[in-house]
Amino acid sequence: MTARSMSKGANLAVDSHAVRVELSWSEGAGGPDVDASALLLTADGRVRSDGDFVFYNQPRHESGAVRHLGKQRADGFMTDTVEVDLSALERVITRVVLCASADGGVFGQVTGLTLRVLDTDGRSELARFEMQADTETAFIGGELYLREGRWKFRAVGQGYASGLAGLATDFGITIDEGQEQASGQPGRAPQVHPDTPRVVGPGGPSTVSSASVAPGHPGLRETGAGVTGPSGPRLTKGEERLPVDMRKRLSLRKEQVAVSLSKRGAAGISARVVLVLDASGSMAFLYSRGVVADVVERMAAVVAQLDDDGEMQAWTFASEAARLPDLRLGELPEWLRLHVRGGEISLFRRGKKPRKGMEPGQVDMRSVGIQNEEQKAIAQVRSFVRENPAPVPTLVLFFSDGGVYRDAAIERELRAAVEEPIFWQFVGLGRSNYGVLERFDTLPGRRVDNVGFFAVDDIGSVPDQELYDRLLSEFPSWITAAGQAGIL
């Protein structure tokens, strides 16, 4: 396998039976101490016990498949390495999440933060992922995951302002800050840095660093059941009219959205949410399988938590962009029936006559076409925001399966939007060739980074909490930067 420089959300197949994952950073005075670690997860996205957490004080998994090799210093750089023998992992383990924590500072103080995937000889570089961070004290750099019998590596780049303790709670570990520090003796929790909370998992106590209180929100704490305090789920207009099963799903998902926000110090924020759905020809299979409808229902929890009106503007696009009727939370089932239909209603039929049997508000997909013209949807959303100013920022949730080819036009639109109160979160749905969208994080010449991007192979298999964490990982930091720049 040849080395590949990766962007956030990108993935590649791992053909080696074992790899070394090396976290490296520039050695500098005054920066925090950085530690690499790994979490072994089953298909439900959870650890089985604290034994599935491999870190500096628990350096070897009991199976021998994952080992923490420790730090080295050379040529002004520090490295911390985890070795994973993929062939030796127990069958129930389907993901190995590769984490990092910062002790004595935040990752924004760390320069040259890079994750490299190496062959077991330590010399052959398979992939390289250069990461950017801000106020985070814990980070998921990447993950090794099993897909259809084959191991892959995904570049994640997701930070946690609530530290390694906040990260750990997402994967089935709960935090008990009332316990005394562990002693490191056999049969007890490993010894750690002073003043760290204990982790109580299904298999007994362990420890991680950093408290789980969201910064800037005293008394706000994360728990396994969600978030209490001002960041908790909001009561949203119209949700009482939803069917019982849909209302129950929405209630749980709102809690998970609230958790994701509180991790980043953004508890209680408000925003206008806009949804954009790719309706190009290659998306037809995802529509017919119900994948897109499921995505929209999951996004309803985002608007329910961020917008008290429970209302979301929506667009669809392919060769052309078209505005869909606003999605009102109480009308979600009917909206899904009428409007999540791209690729299903006469997409390839010719002729100018409207399709028979269309209901009010429906978009005839013949007028939208089959190719990818993302810049047209971006332009329409920008125009809507300019013509309809709001007292809160706008979060655009933009879903596409790739095939991006209008790079220059898309870049012009998004660069022009830097000075506007809009954050663009792009989500790739499993294909490839996302063009400028996956490179936008590294494009220079912008006062603030107004674009986020990640891709997933199968969004239906991504747990809700993980999806919301990825979806909202950059929006809070953009709010801070845009506020400081006078954009908000």
Protein backbone atom coordinates (compact mmCIF):
# COMPACT_ATOMS: atom_id res chain seq x y z
CA MET A 1 0.00 0.00 0.00
CA THR A 2 1.35 3.46 -0.85
CA ALA A 3 1.22 6.33 1.61
CA ARG A 4 -1.79 8.62 1.37
CA SER A 5 -2.39 12.06 2.88
CA MET A 6 -5.93 12.06 4.24
CA SER A 7 -8.54 14.70 4.95
CA LYS A 8 -11.17 14.53 7.68
CA GLY A 9 -13.74 11.83 6.99
CA ALA A 10 -11.67 10.03 4.35
CA ASN A 11 -11.10 6.30 4.63
CA LEU A 12 -8.90 3.62 3.09
CA ALA A 13 -8.59 -0.15 3.17
CA VAL A 14 -5.89 -1.62 5.42
CA ASP A 15 -4.32 -4.66 3.82
CA SER A 16 -1.73 -5.29 6.56
CA HIS A 17 -2.57 -7.81 9.26
CA ALA A 18 -1.12 -5.43 11.88
CA VAL A 19 -0.37 -1.69 12.03
CA ARG A 20 1.26 0.89 14.22
CA VAL A 21 -0.66 4.12 14.72
CA GLU A 22 1.73 6.90 15.61
CA LEU A 23 0.63 10.22 17.06
CA SER A 24 3.29 12.91 16.57
CA TRP A 25 3.61 16.60 17.43
CA SER A 26 6.25 19.32 17.60
CA GLU A 27 8.04 19.55 20.89
CA GLY A 28 7.58 23.04 22.30
CA ALA A 29 7.96 24.79 25.65
CA GLY A 30 4.75 25.45 27.54
CA GLY A 31 2.55 23.06 25.57
CA PRO A 32 0.52 20.29 27.19
CA ASP A 33 1.67 16.71 27.64
CA VAL A 34 -0.02 14.53 25.00
CA ASP A 35 -0.92 10.85 25.40
CA ALA A 36 -2.23 8.33 22.88
CA SER A 37 -4.81 5.68 23.78
CA ALA A 38 -7.22 3.23 22.16
CA LEU A 39 -10.77 2.00 22.83
CA LEU A 40 -11.90 -1.43 21.61
CA LEU A 41 -15.59 -1.38 20.67
CA THR A 42 -18.18 -3.99 19.78
CA ALA A 43 -20.85 -3.60 17.08
CA ASP A 44 -23.02 -1.49 19.40
CA GLY A 45 -20.27 1.15 19.66
CA ARG A 46 -19.52 0.39 23.32
CA VAL A 47 -16.68 -1.06 25.38
CA ARG A 48 -17.38 -4.31 27.21
CA SER A 49 -15.40 -3.23 30.30
CA ASP A 50 -12.60 -0.90 31.33
CA GLY A 51 -10.23 -3.61 30.06
CA ASP A 52 -11.08 -2.44 26.52
CA PHE A 53 -9.35 0.88 27.24
CA VAL A 54 -5.61 0.77 26.41
CA PHE A 55 -3.53 3.72 27.62
CA TYR A 56 -0.30 4.64 29.44
CA ASN A 57 -1.23 2.93 32.71
CA GLN A 58 -2.95 -0.03 31.05
CA PRO A 59 -0.61 -0.54 28.11
CA ARG A 60 -1.65 -4.00 26.93
CA HIS A 61 -5.08 -5.39 26.15
CA GLU A 62 -5.68 -8.79 27.70
CA SER A 63 -5.98 -10.33 24.23
CA GLY A 64 -2.55 -8.98 23.30
CA ALA A 65 -4.04 -7.48 20.12
CA VAL A 66 -3.58 -3.83 21.14
CA ARG A 67 -0.51 -2.43 22.89
CA HIS A 68 0.54 1.07 23.93
CA LEU A 69 4.23 1.28 22.97
CA GLY A 70 4.96 4.61 24.65
CA LYS A 71 6.69 7.86 23.72
CA GLN A 72 9.86 8.69 21.87
CA ARG A 73 11.66 11.96 21.16
CA ALA A 74 13.61 12.66 17.96
CA ASP A 75 14.51 15.73 15.86
CA GLY A 76 12.26 18.11 17.76
CA PHE A 77 9.20 15.86 17.59
CA MET A 78 7.47 13.66 20.14
CA THR A 79 5.64 10.49 19.20
CA ASP A 80 3.30 8.18 21.11
CA THR A 81 2.40 4.91 19.44
CA VAL A 82 -0.32 2.26 19.65
CA GLU A 83 0.16 -1.09 17.90
CA VAL A 84 -2.88 -3.05 16.69
CA ASP A 85 -2.74 -6.66 15.53
CA LEU A 86 -5.92 -6.79 13.47
CA SER A 87 -5.67 -10.54 12.96
CA ALA A 88 -5.60 -11.12 16.73
CA LEU A 89 -8.63 -8.98 17.63
CA GLU A 90 -11.51 -10.92 19.10
CA ARG A 91 -14.38 -11.44 16.68
CA VAL A 92 -16.75 -9.25 18.67
CA ILE A 93 -14.46 -6.22 18.28
CA THR A 94 -15.44 -4.25 15.17
CA ARG A 95 -13.78 -0.87 15.87
CA VAL A 96 -10.61 0.41 17.48
CA VAL A 97 -10.93 4.13 18.23
CA LEU A 98 -7.57 5.92 18.33
CA CYS A 99 -7.63 8.72 20.88
CA ALA A 100 -5.38 11.37 22.39
CA SER A 101 -5.58 13.49 25.53
CA ALA A 102 -3.82 16.73 26.51
CA ASP A 103 -2.70 17.21 30.12
CA GLY A 104 -1.88 20.76 31.23
CA GLY A 105 -3.37 22.60 28.27
CA VAL A 106 -5.47 22.26 25.12
CA PHE A 107 -4.72 20.81 21.71
CA GLY A 108 -4.79 24.29 20.18
CA GLN A 109 -1.38 24.78 21.86
CA VAL A 110 0.02 21.71 20.10
CA THR A 111 1.67 22.25 16.70
CA GLY A 112 2.19 19.68 14.00
CA LEU A 113 -0.38 17.26 15.40
CA THR A 114 -0.34 14.31 12.99
CA LEU A 115 -1.64 10.74 13.01
CA ARG A 116 0.29 8.24 10.88
CA VAL A 117 -0.64 4.66 10.09
CA LEU A 118 2.47 2.52 9.66
CA ASP A 119 3.18 -1.07 8.81
CA THR A 120 4.44 -3.08 11.77
CA ASP A 121 8.05 -2.51 10.74
CA GLY A 122 7.50 1.13 11.68
CA ARG A 123 9.04 2.35 8.43
CA SER A 124 6.37 1.93 5.75
CA GLU A 125 3.83 4.77 6.02
CA LEU A 126 0.36 3.73 4.84
CA ALA A 127 -1.51 6.95 5.62
CA ARG A 128 -0.99 10.39 7.15
CA PHE A 129 -3.64 12.63 8.72
CA GLU A 130 -2.67 16.18 9.76
CA MET A 131 -5.12 17.50 12.36
CA GLN A 132 -6.26 20.95 13.49
CA ALA A 133 -7.55 21.68 17.00
CA ASP A 134 -8.64 24.56 19.22
CA THR A 135 -9.90 24.29 22.81
CA GLU A 136 -10.17 20.50 22.89
CA THR A 137 -8.48 18.49 25.64
CA ALA A 138 -9.28 15.11 24.08
CA PHE A 139 -9.30 14.01 20.47
CA ILE A 140 -10.35 11.08 18.31
CA GLY A 141 -7.69 11.08 15.63
CA GLY A 142 -8.98 8.13 13.66
CA GLU A 143 -10.42 4.66 13.85
CA LEU A 144 -9.83 1.19 12.49
CA TYR A 145 -13.14 -0.47 11.66
CA LEU A 146 -14.37 -3.71 10.13
CA ARG A 147 -16.56 -3.43 7.04
CA GLU A 148 -17.76 -6.52 5.14
CA GLY A 149 -14.92 -8.62 6.46
CA ARG A 150 -12.21 -6.08 5.65
CA TRP A 151 -10.43 -3.65 7.98
CA LYS A 152 -10.36 0.03 7.06
CA PHE A 153 -8.93 3.23 8.56
CA ARG A 154 -10.95 6.44 8.80
CA ALA A 155 -9.53 9.90 9.56
CA VAL A 156 -11.90 11.37 12.18
CA GLY A 157 -10.35 14.49 13.77
CA GLN A 158 -13.10 15.00 16.36
CA GLY A 159 -12.30 16.97 19.51
CA TYR A 160 -13.83 17.07 22.99
CA ALA A 161 -13.65 20.20 25.15
CA SER A 162 -14.75 18.06 28.11
CA GLY A 163 -11.59 15.97 27.96
CA LEU A 164 -10.94 12.27 27.86
CA ALA A 165 -13.62 11.73 30.49
CA GLY A 166 -16.22 13.29 28.17
CA LEU A 167 -14.98 11.17 25.30
CA ALA A 168 -15.07 7.99 27.38
CA THR A 169 -18.73 8.44 28.36
CA ASP A 170 -19.70 8.13 24.70
CA PHE A 171 -18.38 4.60 24.60
CA GLY A 172 -20.03 3.10 27.67
CA ILE A 173 -17.75 4.34 30.46
CA THR A 174 -19.23 6.42 33.29
CA ILE A 175 -17.35 8.91 35.42
CA ASP A 176 -17.29 8.85 39.22
CA GLU A 177 -15.51 12.02 40.35
CA GLY A 178 -16.27 11.40 44.01
CA GLN A 179 -13.76 8.57 44.35
CA GLU A 180 -10.20 9.00 45.50
CA GLN A 181 -7.32 8.60 43.06
CA ALA A 182 -6.44 4.99 42.32
CA SER A 183 -3.23 3.57 43.74
CA GLY A 184 -1.90 1.54 40.84
CA GLN A 185 -1.63 -1.64 42.94
CA PRO A 186 -2.51 -5.03 41.40
CA GLY A 187 -6.26 -5.63 41.34
CA ARG A 188 -7.02 -1.91 41.61
CA ALA A 189 -7.36 0.90 39.13
CA PRO A 190 -4.18 2.07 37.37
CA GLN A 191 -2.22 5.00 38.75
CA VAL A 192 -2.71 8.27 36.89
CA HIS A 193 -1.87 11.94 37.06
CA PRO A 194 -3.08 13.78 40.19
CA ASP A 195 -6.63 15.09 40.43
CA THR A 196 -8.18 12.81 37.82
CA PRO A 197 -11.66 11.29 38.15
CA ARG A 198 -12.23 7.56 38.18
CA VAL A 199 -13.90 5.70 35.35
CA VAL A 200 -16.33 3.07 36.50
CA GLY A 201 -17.06 0.65 33.67
CA PRO A 202 -18.83 -2.69 33.56
CA GLY A 203 -15.62 -4.45 34.49
CA GLY A 204 -14.60 -2.28 37.42
CA PRO A 205 -12.87 1.07 38.02
CA SER A 206 -10.26 2.69 35.84
CA THR A 207 -9.18 6.30 35.33
CA VAL A 208 -8.93 9.03 32.74
CA SER A 209 -7.99 12.67 32.84
CA SER A 210 -10.19 15.79 32.76
CA ALA A 211 -13.56 16.41 34.38
CA SER A 212 -16.83 16.11 32.52
CA VAL A 213 -18.11 19.61 33.23
CA ALA A 214 -18.72 21.60 30.08
CA PRO A 215 -16.40 24.64 30.07
CA GLY A 216 -18.12 27.92 30.82
CA HIS A 217 -21.22 26.25 32.25
CA PRO A 218 -20.72 25.68 35.99
CA GLY A 219 -22.72 22.78 37.33
CA LEU A 220 -23.52 21.36 33.92
CA ARG A 221 -22.57 17.70 33.87
CA GLU A 222 -22.88 14.87 31.40
CA THR A 223 -24.39 11.58 32.50
CA GLY A 224 -25.12 8.29 30.85
CA ALA A 225 -28.78 9.29 30.57
CA GLY A 226 -28.12 12.61 28.85
CA VAL A 227 -27.57 16.12 30.15
CA THR A 228 -29.14 17.87 33.09
CA GLY A 229 -29.28 21.59 33.64
CA PRO A 230 -29.68 24.35 31.06
CA SER A 231 -28.35 22.22 28.17
CA GLY A 232 -31.04 19.55 28.48
CA PRO A 233 -33.57 18.75 25.74
CA ARG A 234 -35.91 21.59 24.88
CA LEU A 235 -39.64 21.26 24.52
CA THR A 236 -40.23 22.04 20.88
CA LYS A 237 -43.29 23.38 19.14
CA GLY A 238 -45.26 20.64 17.41
CA GLU A 239 -43.51 17.55 18.74
CA GLU A 240 -46.57 16.57 20.79
CA ARG A 241 -48.38 15.87 17.50
CA LEU A 242 -45.91 13.22 16.37
CA PRO A 243 -46.72 9.49 16.48
CA VAL A 244 -45.67 7.91 19.77
CA ASP A 245 -42.76 5.88 18.38
CA MET A 246 -41.37 8.86 16.45
CA ARG A 247 -41.79 11.11 19.49
CA LYS A 248 -39.84 8.66 21.66
CA ARG A 249 -36.99 8.54 19.13
CA LEU A 250 -36.97 12.31 18.92
CA SER A 251 -36.84 12.71 22.70
CA LEU A 252 -33.81 10.45 23.03
CA ARG A 253 -32.05 12.02 20.07
CA LYS A 254 -32.57 15.53 21.44
CA GLU A 255 -30.76 14.44 24.60
CA GLN A 256 -27.89 13.15 22.48
CA VAL A 257 -27.70 16.42 20.55
CA ALA A 258 -27.61 18.27 23.88
CA VAL A 259 -24.74 16.05 25.06
CA SER A 260 -22.77 16.75 21.89
CA LEU A 261 -23.19 20.50 22.34
CA SER A 262 -22.31 20.50 26.04
CA LYS A 263 -19.05 18.66 25.34
CA ARG A 264 -17.97 21.64 23.31
CA GLY A 265 -19.07 24.30 25.79
CA ALA A 266 -22.09 25.17 23.64
CA ALA A 267 -24.94 24.17 25.93
CA GLY A 268 -28.16 26.06 25.26
CA ILE A 269 -27.14 27.70 21.97
CA SER A 270 -29.76 28.51 19.36
CA ALA A 271 -29.53 28.39 15.59
CA ARG A 272 -31.56 28.37 12.42
CA VAL A 273 -31.09 24.97 10.73
CA VAL A 274 -31.19 24.46 6.96
CA LEU A 275 -31.23 21.02 5.31
CA VAL A 276 -29.84 20.34 1.81
CA LEU A 277 -30.34 16.92 0.18
CA ASP A 278 -28.49 15.59 -2.86
CA ALA A 279 -31.02 14.23 -5.39
CA SER A 280 -28.58 13.34 -8.19
CA GLY A 281 -29.03 10.08 -10.05
CA SER A 282 -26.47 8.19 -7.96
CA MET A 283 -28.56 8.87 -4.84
CA ALA A 284 -31.59 6.91 -6.08
CA PHE A 285 -30.62 3.74 -4.21
CA LEU A 286 -30.29 5.62 -0.89
CA TYR A 287 -33.76 7.12 -1.35
CA SER A 288 -35.42 3.86 -2.32
CA ARG A 289 -33.89 2.05 0.69
CA GLY A 290 -35.22 4.72 3.07
CA VAL A 291 -31.73 5.87 4.06
CA VAL A 292 -32.41 9.52 3.23
CA ALA A 293 -35.75 9.53 5.08
CA ASP A 294 -33.98 8.15 8.14
CA VAL A 295 -31.31 10.86 7.86
CA VAL A 296 -33.98 13.56 7.76
CA GLU A 297 -35.68 12.15 10.85
CA ARG A 298 -32.35 12.15 12.68
CA MET A 299 -31.74 15.76 11.61
CA ALA A 300 -35.14 16.72 13.03
CA ALA A 301 -33.61 16.25 16.49
CA VAL A 302 -30.97 18.86 15.66
CA VAL A 303 -33.56 21.46 14.71
CA ALA A 304 -35.70 20.46 17.73
CA GLN A 305 -32.78 21.15 20.06
CA LEU A 306 -31.42 24.29 18.38
CA ASP A 307 -34.62 26.05 17.25
CA ASP A 308 -37.58 26.57 19.59
CA ASP A 309 -39.89 26.97 16.58
CA GLY A 310 -39.15 23.42 15.44
CA GLU A 311 -38.98 24.53 11.80
CA MET A 312 -36.30 23.83 9.21
CA GLN A 313 -35.84 25.22 5.69
CA ALA A 314 -34.92 22.61 3.09
CA TRP A 315 -33.51 22.34 -0.44
CA THR A 316 -32.90 19.51 -2.87
CA PHE A 317 -30.45 19.67 -5.77
CA ALA A 318 -28.91 17.87 -8.72
CA SER A 319 -28.40 19.70 -12.03
CA GLU A 320 -30.58 22.45 -10.53
CA ALA A 321 -31.53 23.39 -6.98
CA ALA A 322 -35.10 23.54 -5.73
CA ARG A 323 -36.56 24.82 -2.49
CA LEU A 324 -38.71 22.31 -0.62
CA PRO A 325 -41.53 23.32 1.72
CA ASP A 326 -40.36 24.12 5.25
CA LEU A 327 -40.17 21.10 7.51
CA ARG A 328 -42.29 21.73 10.61
CA LEU A 329 -41.60 19.25 13.36
CA GLY A 330 -45.23 18.34 14.00
CA GLU A 331 -45.67 17.51 10.29
CA LEU A 332 -42.57 15.32 9.99
CA PRO A 333 -44.27 12.05 8.88
CA GLU A 334 -46.23 13.77 6.12
CA TRP A 335 -43.19 15.82 5.05
CA LEU A 336 -41.14 12.65 4.70
CA ARG A 337 -43.90 11.05 2.60
CA LEU A 338 -44.28 14.01 0.26
CA HIS A 339 -40.80 15.45 -0.11
CA VAL A 340 -38.10 12.85 0.51
CA ARG A 341 -38.65 11.39 -2.92
CA GLY A 342 -35.66 12.37 -5.08
CA GLY A 343 -34.68 9.51 -7.38
CA GLU A 344 -38.17 8.02 -7.14
CA ILE A 345 -40.56 10.28 -8.99
CA SER A 346 -39.94 10.22 -12.72
CA LEU A 347 -36.32 11.25 -12.45
CA PHE A 348 -35.46 10.03 -15.96
CA ARG A 349 -38.77 10.74 -17.68
CA ARG A 350 -38.69 13.22 -20.50
CA GLY A 351 -41.22 15.87 -21.31
CA LYS A 352 -42.41 19.16 -19.88
CA LYS A 353 -45.82 18.19 -18.59
CA PRO A 354 -46.06 17.92 -14.78
CA ARG A 355 -46.19 14.40 -13.50
CA LYS A 356 -49.76 13.28 -12.87
CA GLY A 357 -50.82 12.86 -9.27
CA MET A 358 -48.31 15.30 -7.78
CA GLU A 359 -49.48 16.89 -4.55
CA PRO A 360 -49.10 20.57 -3.55
CA GLY A 361 -45.54 21.54 -2.73
CA GLN A 362 -43.92 18.48 -4.30
CA VAL A 363 -40.94 19.02 -6.60
CA ASP A 364 -41.04 17.18 -9.92
CA MET A 365 -37.54 15.73 -10.06
CA ARG A 366 -37.40 16.18 -13.85
CA SER A 367 -36.83 19.88 -13.15
CA VAL A 368 -33.94 19.05 -10.83
CA GLY A 369 -32.08 16.70 -13.17
CA ILE A 370 -29.44 14.09 -12.36
CA GLN A 371 -25.98 15.74 -12.14
CA ASN A 372 -24.12 17.40 -9.24
CA GLU A 373 -24.27 21.20 -9.10
CA GLU A 374 -23.72 21.87 -5.39
CA GLN A 375 -22.85 25.52 -5.99
CA LYS A 376 -26.42 26.25 -7.12
CA ALA A 377 -27.90 25.02 -3.85
CA ILE A 378 -25.23 26.90 -1.89
CA ALA A 379 -26.08 30.11 -3.75
CA GLN A 380 -29.81 29.73 -3.08
CA VAL A 381 -29.26 29.15 0.64
CA ARG A 382 -26.97 32.19 0.83
CA SER A 383 -29.62 34.30 -0.89
CA PHE A 384 -32.31 33.07 1.52
CA VAL A 385 -30.20 33.97 4.57
CA ARG A 386 -29.45 37.45 3.21
CA GLU A 387 -33.13 38.09 2.46
CA ASN A 388 -34.35 36.62 5.77
CA PRO A 389 -31.97 37.82 8.51
CA ALA A 390 -32.23 36.07 11.86
CA PRO A 391 -30.93 36.96 15.35
CA VAL A 392 -29.15 33.59 15.51
CA PRO A 393 -26.53 31.92 13.28
CA THR A 394 -27.52 29.51 10.52
CA LEU A 395 -26.32 25.90 10.47
CA VAL A 396 -26.55 24.22 7.05
CA LEU A 397 -26.63 20.41 7.06
CA PHE A 398 -25.64 19.44 3.52
CA PHE A 399 -25.80 15.75 2.47
CA SER A 400 -24.19 14.38 -0.70
CA ASP A 401 -22.85 11.04 -1.97
CA GLY A 402 -19.96 12.60 -3.87
CA GLY A 403 -19.30 13.03 -7.56
CA VAL A 404 -18.35 16.67 -6.91
CA TYR A 405 -16.80 18.27 -9.99
CA ARG A 406 -17.62 22.00 -9.86
CA ASP A 407 -14.71 22.67 -7.49
CA ALA A 408 -13.93 26.24 -8.59
CA ALA A 409 -17.58 27.37 -8.47
CA ILE A 410 -18.17 25.71 -5.07
CA GLU A 411 -15.02 27.29 -3.66
CA ARG A 412 -16.07 30.74 -4.88
CA GLU A 413 -19.46 30.42 -3.18
CA LEU A 414 -18.07 29.18 0.14
CA ARG A 415 -15.26 31.74 0.22
CA ALA A 416 -17.80 34.51 -0.45
CA ALA A 417 -19.91 33.11 2.41
CA VAL A 418 -17.10 33.50 4.97
CA GLU A 419 -18.39 36.92 6.02
CA GLU A 420 -21.96 35.62 6.41
CA PRO A 421 -23.53 34.17 9.59
CA ILE A 422 -23.63 30.65 8.12
CA PHE A 423 -21.73 27.48 8.99
CA TRP A 424 -21.73 24.80 6.29
CA GLN A 425 -21.55 21.21 7.55
CA PHE A 426 -21.13 18.78 4.66
CA VAL A 427 -21.71 15.05 5.15
CA GLY A 428 -20.51 12.51 2.59
CA LEU A 429 -22.74 9.48 2.15
CA GLY A 430 -20.35 6.70 1.31
CA ARG A 431 -19.17 7.33 -2.22
CA SER A 432 -16.04 9.24 -3.20
CA ASN A 433 -14.72 12.30 -5.01
CA TYR A 434 -15.92 15.04 -2.68
CA GLY A 435 -13.52 17.44 -4.35
CA VAL A 436 -13.02 20.79 -2.71
CA LEU A 437 -15.44 19.96 0.13
CA GLU A 438 -12.99 17.61 1.84
CA ARG A 439 -10.08 20.00 1.21
CA PHE A 440 -11.82 23.12 2.47
CA ASP A 441 -10.50 22.81 6.02
CA THR A 442 -6.97 23.33 4.71
CA LEU A 443 -7.72 26.14 2.24
CA PRO A 444 -5.99 29.38 3.33
CA GLY A 445 -7.13 32.96 2.99
CA ARG A 446 -10.30 32.90 5.12
CA ARG A 447 -10.82 34.89 8.31
CA VAL A 448 -12.73 32.01 9.87
CA ASP A 449 -13.20 28.36 8.93
CA ASN A 450 -16.85 28.29 7.85
CA VAL A 451 -16.95 24.71 6.49
CA GLY A 452 -16.91 21.26 8.09
CA PHE A 453 -16.78 17.92 6.28
CA PHE A 454 -16.83 14.24 7.11
CA ALA A 455 -17.84 11.10 5.22
CA VAL A 456 -19.25 7.76 6.34
CA ASP A 457 -19.50 4.46 4.48
CA ASP A 458 -22.98 3.64 5.75
CA ILE A 459 -24.70 6.41 7.69
CA GLY A 460 -27.44 4.03 8.81
CA SER A 461 -24.91 2.03 10.82
CA VAL A 462 -23.47 5.08 12.63
CA PRO A 463 -24.94 5.37 16.17
CA ASP A 464 -26.92 8.53 16.83
CA GLN A 465 -24.52 9.89 19.44
CA GLU A 466 -21.53 9.43 17.16
CA LEU A 467 -23.37 11.06 14.25
CA TYR A 468 -24.33 14.11 16.31
CA ASP A 469 -20.79 14.41 17.71
CA ARG A 470 -19.36 14.52 14.20
CA LEU A 471 -22.11 16.75 12.89
CA LEU A 472 -21.64 19.36 15.64
CA SER A 473 -17.89 19.07 16.21
CA GLU A 474 -16.94 22.36 14.47
CA PHE A 475 -20.10 24.49 14.70
CA PRO A 476 -19.47 25.74 18.28
CA SER A 477 -15.86 26.76 17.57
CA TRP A 478 -17.03 28.59 14.44
CA ILE A 479 -19.57 30.52 16.55
CA THR A 480 -16.75 31.68 18.82
CA ALA A 481 -14.46 32.62 15.92
CA ALA A 482 -17.25 34.35 13.97
CA GLY A 483 -18.21 36.31 17.06
CA GLN A 484 -14.63 37.46 17.60
CA ALA A 485 -14.39 38.43 13.91
CA GLY A 486 -17.57 40.51 14.11
CA ILE A 487 -19.46 38.25 11.69
CA LEU A 488 -22.07 37.38 14.33
